[in-house]
PDB file of all heavy atoms in Angstrom:
ATOM      1  N   THR A   1      45.268 -63.183  -3.141  1.00  0.00           N
ATOM      2  CA  THR A   1      44.191 -63.978  -2.928  1.00  0.00           C
ATOM      3  C   THR A   1      44.574 -65.440  -2.718  1.00  0.00           C
ATOM      4  O   THR A   1      45.553 -65.884  -3.230  1.00  0.00           O
ATOM      5  CB  THR A   1      43.182 -64.006  -4.162  1.00  0.00           C
ATOM      6  OG1 THR A   1      43.791 -64.432  -5.300  1.00  0.00           O
ATOM      7  CG2 THR A   1      42.600 -62.546  -4.283  1.00  0.00           C
ATOM      8  N   ALA A   2      43.748 -66.361  -2.119  1.00  0.00           N
ATOM      9  CA  ALA A   2      44.027 -67.699  -1.949  1.00  0.00           C
ATOM     10  C   ALA A   2      44.222 -68.438  -3.241  1.00  0.00           C
ATOM     11  O   ALA A   2      44.925 -69.395  -3.413  1.00  0.00           O
ATOM     12  CB  ALA A   2      43.041 -68.293  -1.017  1.00  0.00           C
ATOM     13  N   ALA A   3      43.317 -68.005  -4.159  1.00  0.00           N
ATOM     14  CA  ALA A   3      43.230 -68.736  -5.513  1.00  0.00           C
ATOM     15  C   ALA A   3      44.566 -68.511  -6.290  1.00  0.00           C
ATOM     16  O   ALA A   3      44.820 -69.278  -7.287  1.00  0.00           O
ATOM     17  CB  ALA A   3      41.982 -68.232  -6.249  1.00  0.00           C
ATOM     18  N   ALA A   4      45.348 -67.426  -5.909  1.00  0.00           N
ATOM     19  CA  ALA A   4      46.551 -67.141  -6.555  1.00  0.00           C
ATOM     20  C   ALA A   4      47.535 -68.211  -6.628  1.00  0.00           C
ATOM     21  O   ALA A   4      48.463 -68.320  -7.470  1.00  0.00           O
ATOM     22  CB  ALA A   4      47.029 -65.852  -6.166  1.00  0.00           C
ATOM     23  N   ASP A   5      47.541 -69.021  -5.594  1.00  0.00           N
ATOM     24  CA  ASP A   5      48.600 -70.055  -5.375  1.00  0.00           C
ATOM     25  C   ASP A   5      48.580 -71.048  -6.489  1.00  0.00           C
ATOM     26  O   ASP A   5      49.606 -71.702  -6.767  1.00  0.00           O
ATOM     27  CB  ASP A   5      48.374 -70.757  -4.166  1.00  0.00           C
ATOM     28  CG  ASP A   5      48.506 -69.935  -2.844  1.00  0.00           C
ATOM     29  OD1 ASP A   5      49.167 -68.861  -2.999  1.00  0.00           O
ATOM     30  OD2 ASP A   5      47.870 -70.079  -1.784  1.00  0.00           O
ATOM     31  N   SER A   6      47.367 -71.299  -7.138  1.00  0.00           N
ATOM     32  CA  SER A   6      47.379 -72.347  -8.048  1.00  0.00           C
ATOM     33  C   SER A   6      47.470 -71.695  -9.578  1.00  0.00           C
ATOM     34  O   SER A   6      47.331 -72.461 -10.519  1.00  0.00           O
ATOM     35  CB  SER A   6      45.895 -72.949  -8.157  1.00  0.00           C
ATOM     36  OG  SER A   6      44.899 -72.041  -8.237  1.00  0.00           O
ATOM     37  N   VAL A   7      47.729 -70.512  -9.610  1.00  0.00           N
ATOM     38  CA  VAL A   7      47.943 -69.711 -10.863  1.00  0.00           C
ATOM     39  C   VAL A   7      49.292 -69.871 -11.360  1.00  0.00           C
ATOM     40  O   VAL A   7      50.325 -69.662 -10.531  1.00  0.00           O
ATOM     41  CB  VAL A   7      47.581 -68.301 -10.777  1.00  0.00           C
ATOM     42  CG1 VAL A   7      47.912 -67.573 -12.107  1.00  0.00           C
ATOM     43  CG2 VAL A   7      46.017 -68.255 -10.591  1.00  0.00           C
ATOM     44  N   GLU A   8      49.601 -70.265 -12.627  1.00  0.00           N
ATOM     45  CA  GLU A   8      51.026 -70.334 -13.258  1.00  0.00           C
ATOM     46  C   GLU A   8      51.242 -68.880 -13.936  1.00  0.00           C
ATOM     47  O   GLU A   8      50.643 -68.736 -15.005  1.00  0.00           O
ATOM     48  CB  GLU A   8      51.151 -71.490 -14.229  1.00  0.00           C
ATOM     49  CG  GLU A   8      52.465 -71.549 -14.717  1.00  0.00           C
ATOM     50  CD  GLU A   8      52.727 -72.815 -15.627  1.00  0.00           C
ATOM     51  OE1 GLU A   8      51.698 -73.596 -15.689  1.00  0.00           O
ATOM     52  OE2 GLU A   8      53.696 -72.959 -16.264  1.00  0.00           O
ATOM     53  N   VAL A   9      51.973 -68.025 -13.438  1.00  0.00           N
ATOM     54  CA  VAL A   9      52.156 -66.675 -14.024  1.00  0.00           C
ATOM     55  C   VAL A   9      53.169 -66.863 -15.168  1.00  0.00           C
ATOM     56  O   VAL A   9      54.143 -67.629 -15.161  1.00  0.00           O
ATOM     57  CB  VAL A   9      52.872 -65.749 -12.969  1.00  0.00           C
ATOM     58  CG1 VAL A   9      53.110 -64.406 -13.675  1.00  0.00           C
ATOM     59  CG2 VAL A   9      51.912 -65.508 -11.890  1.00  0.00           C
ATOM     60  N   GLY A  10      52.715 -66.188 -16.335  1.00  0.00           N
ATOM     61  CA  GLY A  10      53.543 -66.285 -17.562  1.00  0.00           C
ATOM     62  C   GLY A  10      53.259 -67.420 -18.429  1.00  0.00           C
ATOM     63  O   GLY A  10      54.102 -67.740 -19.346  1.00  0.00           O
ATOM     64  N   SER A  11      52.243 -68.233 -18.264  1.00  0.00           N
ATOM     65  CA  SER A  11      51.970 -69.447 -19.058  1.00  0.00           C
ATOM     66  C   SER A  11      51.478 -68.981 -20.413  1.00  0.00           C
ATOM     67  O   SER A  11      51.455 -69.935 -21.289  1.00  0.00           O
ATOM     68  CB  SER A  11      50.912 -70.290 -18.224  1.00  0.00           C
ATOM     69  OG  SER A  11      49.847 -69.602 -18.068  1.00  0.00           O
ATOM     70  N   VAL A  12      51.162 -67.863 -20.553  1.00  0.00           N
ATOM     71  CA  VAL A  12      50.624 -67.511 -21.936  1.00  0.00           C
ATOM     72  C   VAL A  12      51.591 -66.529 -22.566  1.00  0.00           C
ATOM     73  O   VAL A  12      52.081 -65.577 -21.933  1.00  0.00           O
ATOM     74  CB  VAL A  12      49.185 -66.767 -21.810  1.00  0.00           C
ATOM     75  CG1 VAL A  12      48.676 -66.272 -23.283  1.00  0.00           C
ATOM     76  CG2 VAL A  12      48.270 -67.667 -21.081  1.00  0.00           C
ATOM     77  N   GLY A  13      51.890 -66.650 -23.827  1.00  0.00           N
ATOM     78  CA  GLY A  13      52.915 -65.887 -24.432  1.00  0.00           C
ATOM     79  C   GLY A  13      52.522 -64.511 -24.847  1.00  0.00           C
ATOM     80  O   GLY A  13      51.263 -64.054 -24.851  1.00  0.00           O
ATOM     81  N   PHE A  14      53.413 -63.712 -25.370  1.00  0.00           N
ATOM     82  CA  PHE A  14      53.227 -62.352 -25.731  1.00  0.00           C
ATOM     83  C   PHE A  14      52.138 -62.314 -26.898  1.00  0.00           C
ATOM     84  O   PHE A  14      51.247 -61.506 -26.811  1.00  0.00           O
ATOM     85  CB  PHE A  14      54.542 -61.766 -26.340  1.00  0.00           C
ATOM     86  CG  PHE A  14      54.453 -60.320 -26.769  1.00  0.00           C
ATOM     87  CD1 PHE A  14      54.470 -59.233 -25.848  1.00  0.00           C
ATOM     88  CD2 PHE A  14      54.211 -60.008 -28.094  1.00  0.00           C
ATOM     89  CE1 PHE A  14      54.342 -57.968 -26.241  1.00  0.00           C
ATOM     90  CE2 PHE A  14      54.086 -58.678 -28.497  1.00  0.00           C
ATOM     91  CZ  PHE A  14      54.190 -57.499 -27.622  1.00  0.00           C
ATOM     92  N   TRP A  15      52.308 -62.925 -27.846  1.00  0.00           N
ATOM     93  CA  TRP A  15      51.490 -62.763 -29.161  1.00  0.00           C
ATOM     94  C   TRP A  15      50.048 -63.353 -28.743  1.00  0.00           C
ATOM     95  O   TRP A  15      48.933 -62.742 -29.318  1.00  0.00           O
ATOM     96  CB  TRP A  15      51.951 -63.562 -30.381  1.00  0.00           C
ATOM     97  CG  TRP A  15      53.235 -62.913 -30.819  1.00  0.00           C
ATOM     98  CD1 TRP A  15      54.506 -63.571 -30.685  1.00  0.00           C
ATOM     99  CD2 TRP A  15      53.341 -61.639 -31.367  1.00  0.00           C
ATOM    100  NE1 TRP A  15      55.469 -62.569 -31.223  1.00  0.00           N
ATOM    101  CE2 TRP A  15      54.750 -61.396 -31.644  1.00  0.00           C
ATOM    102  CE3 TRP A  15      52.450 -60.598 -31.774  1.00  0.00           C
ATOM    103  CZ2 TRP A  15      55.289 -60.326 -32.256  1.00  0.00           C
ATOM    104  CZ3 TRP A  15      53.054 -59.458 -32.330  1.00  0.00           C
ATOM    105  CH2 TRP A  15      54.366 -59.361 -32.659  1.00  0.00           C
ATOM    106  N   GLU A  16      50.011 -64.286 -27.953  1.00  0.00           N
ATOM    107  CA  GLU A  16      48.567 -64.815 -27.610  1.00  0.00           C
ATOM    108  C   GLU A  16      47.872 -63.823 -26.667  1.00  0.00           C
ATOM    109  O   GLU A  16      46.698 -63.523 -26.907  1.00  0.00           O
ATOM    110  CB  GLU A  16      48.742 -66.151 -26.702  1.00  0.00           C
ATOM    111  CG  GLU A  16      49.295 -67.309 -27.474  1.00  0.00           C
ATOM    112  CD  GLU A  16      49.600 -68.609 -26.573  1.00  0.00           C
ATOM    113  OE1 GLU A  16      48.603 -69.335 -26.346  1.00  0.00           O
ATOM    114  OE2 GLU A  16      50.732 -68.667 -26.126  1.00  0.00           O
ATOM    115  N   VAL A  17      48.617 -63.159 -25.834  1.00  0.00           N
ATOM    116  CA  VAL A  17      48.106 -62.145 -25.068  1.00  0.00           C
ATOM    117  C   VAL A  17      47.579 -60.926 -26.028  1.00  0.00           C
ATOM    118  O   VAL A  17      46.510 -60.266 -25.748  1.00  0.00           O
ATOM    119  CB  VAL A  17      49.023 -61.591 -23.961  1.00  0.00           C
ATOM    120  CG1 VAL A  17      48.473 -60.440 -23.084  1.00  0.00           C
ATOM    121  CG2 VAL A  17      49.311 -62.688 -22.904  1.00  0.00           C
ATOM    122  N   LEU A  18      48.408 -60.448 -26.941  1.00  0.00           N
ATOM    123  CA  LEU A  18      48.061 -59.544 -27.766  1.00  0.00           C
ATOM    124  C   LEU A  18      46.730 -59.760 -28.646  1.00  0.00           C
ATOM    125  O   LEU A  18      46.079 -58.894 -28.886  1.00  0.00           O
ATOM    126  CB  LEU A  18      49.211 -59.274 -28.902  1.00  0.00           C
ATOM    127  CG  LEU A  18      48.931 -58.383 -30.025  1.00  0.00           C
ATOM    128  CD1 LEU A  18      48.680 -56.844 -29.499  1.00  0.00           C
ATOM    129  CD2 LEU A  18      50.182 -58.279 -31.048  1.00  0.00           C
ATOM    130  N   ALA A  19      46.694 -61.021 -29.063  1.00  0.00           N
ATOM    131  CA  ALA A  19      45.462 -61.505 -29.702  1.00  0.00           C
ATOM    132  C   ALA A  19      44.124 -61.373 -28.780  1.00  0.00           C
ATOM    133  O   ALA A  19      43.100 -60.932 -29.160  1.00  0.00           O
ATOM    134  CB  ALA A  19      45.528 -62.913 -30.151  1.00  0.00           C
ATOM    135  N   VAL A  20      44.342 -61.577 -27.577  1.00  0.00           N
ATOM    136  CA  VAL A  20      43.156 -61.472 -26.646  1.00  0.00           C
ATOM    137  C   VAL A  20      42.866 -59.968 -26.308  1.00  0.00           C
ATOM    138  O   VAL A  20      41.703 -59.564 -26.357  1.00  0.00           O
ATOM    139  CB  VAL A  20      43.559 -62.019 -25.265  1.00  0.00           C
ATOM    140  CG1 VAL A  20      42.578 -61.742 -24.225  1.00  0.00           C
ATOM    141  CG2 VAL A  20      43.603 -63.637 -25.416  1.00  0.00           C
ATOM    142  N   PHE A  21      43.989 -59.154 -26.346  1.00  0.00           N
ATOM    143  CA  PHE A  21      43.809 -57.829 -25.902  1.00  0.00           C
ATOM    144  C   PHE A  21      43.262 -57.023 -27.232  1.00  0.00           C
ATOM    145  O   PHE A  21      42.462 -55.986 -26.991  1.00  0.00           O
ATOM    146  CB  PHE A  21      45.049 -57.020 -25.385  1.00  0.00           C
ATOM    147  CG  PHE A  21      44.883 -55.641 -25.224  1.00  0.00           C
ATOM    148  CD1 PHE A  21      44.373 -55.142 -24.061  1.00  0.00           C
ATOM    149  CD2 PHE A  21      45.447 -54.732 -26.179  1.00  0.00           C
ATOM    150  CE1 PHE A  21      44.290 -53.733 -23.926  1.00  0.00           C
ATOM    151  CE2 PHE A  21      45.295 -53.346 -25.936  1.00  0.00           C
ATOM    152  CZ  PHE A  21      44.699 -52.890 -24.813  1.00  0.00           C
ATOM    153  N   PHE A  22      43.640 -57.243 -28.352  1.00  0.00           N
ATOM    154  CA  PHE A  22      43.371 -56.356 -29.548  1.00  0.00           C
ATOM    155  C   PHE A  22      41.939 -55.919 -29.690  1.00  0.00           C
ATOM    156  O   PHE A  22      41.586 -54.869 -30.083  1.00  0.00           O
ATOM    157  CB  PHE A  22      43.962 -57.011 -30.748  1.00  0.00           C
ATOM    158  CG  PHE A  22      43.899 -56.004 -31.936  1.00  0.00           C
ATOM    159  CD1 PHE A  22      44.903 -55.078 -32.050  1.00  0.00           C
ATOM    160  CD2 PHE A  22      42.906 -56.003 -32.825  1.00  0.00           C
ATOM    161  CE1 PHE A  22      44.987 -54.194 -33.182  1.00  0.00           C
ATOM    162  CE2 PHE A  22      42.810 -55.167 -33.899  1.00  0.00           C
ATOM    163  CZ  PHE A  22      43.924 -54.210 -34.119  1.00  0.00           C
ATOM    164  N   PRO A  23      41.028 -56.872 -29.648  1.00  0.00           N
ATOM    165  CA  PRO A  23      39.461 -56.443 -29.802  1.00  0.00           C
ATOM    166  C   PRO A  23      39.161 -55.177 -28.783  1.00  0.00           C
ATOM    167  O   PRO A  23      38.274 -54.568 -29.187  1.00  0.00           O
ATOM    168  CB  PRO A  23      38.711 -57.674 -29.435  1.00  0.00           C
ATOM    169  CG  PRO A  23      39.692 -58.930 -29.635  1.00  0.00           C
ATOM    170  CD  PRO A  23      41.034 -58.296 -29.328  1.00  0.00           C
ATOM    171  N   ALA A  24      39.965 -55.029 -27.862  1.00  0.00           N
ATOM    172  CA  ALA A  24      39.679 -53.842 -27.007  1.00  0.00           C
ATOM    173  C   ALA A  24      39.740 -52.484 -27.622  1.00  0.00           C
ATOM    174  O   ALA A  24      39.160 -51.506 -27.189  1.00  0.00           O
ATOM    175  CB  ALA A  24      40.386 -53.880 -25.745  1.00  0.00           C
ATOM    176  N   VAL A  25      40.423 -52.370 -28.690  1.00  0.00           N
ATOM    177  CA  VAL A  25      40.688 -51.183 -29.430  1.00  0.00           C
ATOM    178  C   VAL A  25      39.985 -51.068 -30.805  1.00  0.00           C
ATOM    179  O   VAL A  25      40.268 -50.174 -31.683  1.00  0.00           O
ATOM    180  CB  VAL A  25      42.203 -50.866 -29.668  1.00  0.00           C
ATOM    181  CG1 VAL A  25      42.914 -50.800 -28.361  1.00  0.00           C
ATOM    182  CG2 VAL A  25      42.805 -52.054 -30.523  1.00  0.00           C
ATOM    183  N   THR A  26      39.045 -52.052 -31.093  1.00  0.00           N
ATOM    184  CA  THR A  26      38.375 -52.058 -32.236  1.00  0.00           C
ATOM    185  C   THR A  26      36.981 -51.377 -32.302  1.00  0.00           C
ATOM    186  O   THR A  26      36.095 -51.619 -33.175  1.00  0.00           O
ATOM    187  CB  THR A  26      38.151 -53.561 -32.868  1.00  0.00           C
ATOM    188  OG1 THR A  26      37.469 -54.158 -31.758  1.00  0.00           O
ATOM    189  CG2 THR A  26      39.527 -54.223 -32.957  1.00  0.00           C
ATOM    190  N   GLY A  27      36.831 -50.385 -31.489  1.00  0.00           N
ATOM    191  CA  GLY A  27      35.527 -49.847 -31.394  1.00  0.00           C
ATOM    192  C   GLY A  27      35.329 -48.565 -32.078  1.00  0.00           C
ATOM    193  O   GLY A  27      34.285 -47.847 -31.920  1.00  0.00           O
ATOM    194  N   ILE A  28      36.218 -48.161 -32.838  1.00  0.00           N
ATOM    195  CA  ILE A  28      36.301 -46.714 -33.477  1.00  0.00           C
ATOM    196  C   ILE A  28      35.255 -46.536 -34.486  1.00  0.00           C
ATOM    197  O   ILE A  28      34.836 -45.503 -34.728  1.00  0.00           O
ATOM    198  CB  ILE A  28      37.627 -46.426 -34.053  1.00  0.00           C
ATOM    199  CG1 ILE A  28      37.880 -47.526 -35.195  1.00  0.00           C
ATOM    200  CG2 ILE A  28      38.738 -46.433 -33.149  1.00  0.00           C
ATOM    201  CD1 ILE A  28      39.134 -47.161 -36.052  1.00  0.00           C
ATOM    202  N   MET A  29      34.528 -47.620 -34.971  1.00  0.00           N
ATOM    203  CA  MET A  29      33.614 -47.506 -35.902  1.00  0.00           C
ATOM    204  C   MET A  29      32.258 -47.151 -35.398  1.00  0.00           C
ATOM    205  O   MET A  29      31.334 -46.760 -36.197  1.00  0.00           O
ATOM    206  CB  MET A  29      33.372 -48.708 -36.904  1.00  0.00           C
ATOM    207  CG  MET A  29      34.654 -49.080 -37.788  1.00  0.00           C
ATOM    208  SD  MET A  29      35.166 -47.731 -38.859  1.00  0.00           S
ATOM    209  CE  MET A  29      33.749 -47.578 -39.709  1.00  0.00           C
ATOM    210  N   SER A  30      31.999 -47.159 -34.250  1.00  0.00           N
ATOM    211  CA  SER A  30      30.687 -46.899 -33.559  1.00  0.00           C
ATOM    212  C   SER A  30      30.302 -45.541 -33.891  1.00  0.00           C
ATOM    213  O   SER A  30      29.070 -45.202 -34.149  1.00  0.00           O
ATOM    214  CB  SER A  30      30.791 -47.191 -31.984  1.00  0.00           C
ATOM    215  OG  SER A  30      30.950 -48.418 -31.673  1.00  0.00           O
ATOM    216  N   GLY A  31      31.203 -44.558 -33.776  1.00  0.00           N
ATOM    217  CA  GLY A  31      30.766 -43.253 -34.072  1.00  0.00           C
ATOM    218  C   GLY A  31      30.723 -43.017 -35.546  1.00  0.00           C
ATOM    219  O   GLY A  31      29.799 -42.208 -36.071  1.00  0.00           O
ATOM    220  N   VAL A  32      31.472 -43.612 -36.354  1.00  0.00           N
ATOM    221  CA  VAL A  32      31.515 -43.429 -37.863  1.00  0.00           C
ATOM    222  C   VAL A  32      30.206 -43.946 -38.439  1.00  0.00           C
ATOM    223  O   VAL A  32      29.734 -43.371 -39.414  1.00  0.00           O
ATOM    224  CB  VAL A  32      32.709 -44.206 -38.407  1.00  0.00           C
ATOM    225  CG1 VAL A  32      32.756 -44.199 -39.940  1.00  0.00           C
ATOM    226  CG2 VAL A  32      34.150 -43.574 -37.884  1.00  0.00           C
ATOM    227  N   ASN A  33      29.796 -45.020 -37.796  1.00  0.00           N
ATOM    228  CA  ASN A  33      28.526 -45.614 -38.414  1.00  0.00           C
ATOM    229  C   ASN A  33      27.267 -44.584 -38.252  1.00  0.00           C
ATOM    230  O   ASN A  33      26.154 -44.822 -38.751  1.00  0.00           O
ATOM    231  CB  ASN A  33      28.026 -46.801 -37.667  1.00  0.00           C
ATOM    232  CG  ASN A  33      28.966 -47.894 -38.058  1.00  0.00           C
ATOM    233  OD1 ASN A  33      29.590 -47.929 -39.101  1.00  0.00           O
ATOM    234  ND2 ASN A  33      29.274 -48.973 -37.213  1.00  0.00           N
ATOM    235  N   MET A  34      27.484 -43.606 -37.359  1.00  0.00           N
ATOM    236  CA  MET A  34      26.429 -42.522 -37.412  1.00  0.00           C
ATOM    237  C   MET A  34      26.588 -41.448 -38.252  1.00  0.00           C
ATOM    238  O   MET A  34      26.019 -40.319 -38.237  1.00  0.00           O
ATOM    239  CB  MET A  34      26.435 -41.944 -35.860  1.00  0.00           C
ATOM    240  CG  MET A  34      26.323 -42.893 -34.778  1.00  0.00           C
ATOM    241  SD  MET A  34      24.863 -43.804 -34.809  1.00  0.00           S
ATOM    242  CE  MET A  34      23.676 -42.395 -34.611  1.00  0.00           C
ATOM    243  N   SER A  35      27.390 -41.623 -39.373  1.00  0.00           N
ATOM    244  CA  SER A  35      27.816 -40.588 -40.450  1.00  0.00           C
ATOM    245  C   SER A  35      26.555 -39.836 -40.895  1.00  0.00           C
ATOM    246  O   SER A  35      26.525 -38.602 -41.109  1.00  0.00           O
ATOM    247  CB  SER A  35      28.523 -41.115 -41.470  1.00  0.00           C
ATOM    248  OG  SER A  35      27.889 -42.268 -42.132  1.00  0.00           O
ATOM    249  N   GLY A  36      25.484 -40.546 -41.225  1.00  0.00           N
ATOM    250  CA  GLY A  36      24.204 -40.018 -41.852  1.00  0.00           C
ATOM    251  C   GLY A  36      23.514 -39.026 -40.843  1.00  0.00           C
ATOM    252  O   GLY A  36      22.616 -38.329 -41.224  1.00  0.00           O
ATOM    253  N   ASP A  37      23.769 -39.197 -39.491  1.00  0.00           N
ATOM    254  CA  ASP A  37      23.152 -38.256 -38.617  1.00  0.00           C
ATOM    255  C   ASP A  37      24.096 -37.006 -38.150  1.00  0.00           C
ATOM    256  O   ASP A  37      23.629 -36.397 -37.356  1.00  0.00           O
ATOM    257  CB  ASP A  37      22.789 -39.163 -37.268  1.00  0.00           C
ATOM    258  CG  ASP A  37      21.739 -40.177 -37.747  1.00  0.00           C
ATOM    259  OD1 ASP A  37      20.530 -39.945 -37.673  1.00  0.00           O
ATOM    260  OD2 ASP A  37      22.284 -41.405 -37.996  1.00  0.00           O
ATOM    261  N   LEU A  38      25.208 -37.041 -38.713  1.00  0.00           N
ATOM    262  CA  LEU A  38      26.132 -35.912 -38.244  1.00  0.00           C
ATOM    263  C   LEU A  38      25.814 -34.572 -39.164  1.00  0.00           C
ATOM    264  O   LEU A  38      25.564 -34.709 -40.363  1.00  0.00           O
ATOM    265  CB  LEU A  38      27.591 -36.388 -38.572  1.00  0.00           C
ATOM    266  CG  LEU A  38      27.921 -37.605 -37.646  1.00  0.00           C
ATOM    267  CD1 LEU A  38      29.324 -37.970 -38.091  1.00  0.00           C
ATOM    268  CD2 LEU A  38      27.941 -37.246 -36.147  1.00  0.00           C
ATOM    269  N   LYS A  39      25.919 -33.467 -38.497  1.00  0.00           N
ATOM    270  CA  LYS A  39      25.818 -32.203 -39.225  1.00  0.00           C
ATOM    271  C   LYS A  39      26.901 -32.017 -40.185  1.00  0.00           C
ATOM    272  O   LYS A  39      26.831 -31.523 -41.261  1.00  0.00           O
ATOM    273  CB  LYS A  39      25.636 -31.059 -38.198  1.00  0.00           C
ATOM    274  CG  LYS A  39      25.481 -29.709 -38.814  1.00  0.00           C
ATOM    275  CD  LYS A  39      25.274 -28.700 -37.701  1.00  0.00           C
ATOM    276  CE  LYS A  39      25.043 -27.351 -38.373  1.00  0.00           C
ATOM    277  NZ  LYS A  39      24.963 -26.292 -37.210  1.00  0.00           N
ATOM    278  N   ASN A  40      28.174 -32.218 -39.684  1.00  0.00           N
ATOM    279  CA  ASN A  40      29.375 -32.022 -40.411  1.00  0.00           C
ATOM    280  C   ASN A  40      30.261 -33.218 -40.363  1.00  0.00           C
ATOM    281  O   ASN A  40      31.272 -33.074 -39.686  1.00  0.00           O
ATOM    282  CB  ASN A  40      30.078 -30.705 -39.886  1.00  0.00           C
ATOM    283  CG  ASN A  40      31.201 -30.342 -40.887  1.00  0.00           C
ATOM    284  OD1 ASN A  40      31.531 -30.999 -41.783  1.00  0.00           O
ATOM    285  ND2 ASN A  40      31.920 -29.349 -40.409  1.00  0.00           N
TER     286      ASN A  40
END
């Protein structure tokens, strides 16, 4: 894309990227919160 010319690739470090990504894997409790509605 034309906008890509102004982008600085790699300007954000590994741990900062990990911090941004991690909330993507924190949804496991959605099913657990339904515990009272589960048969088993």
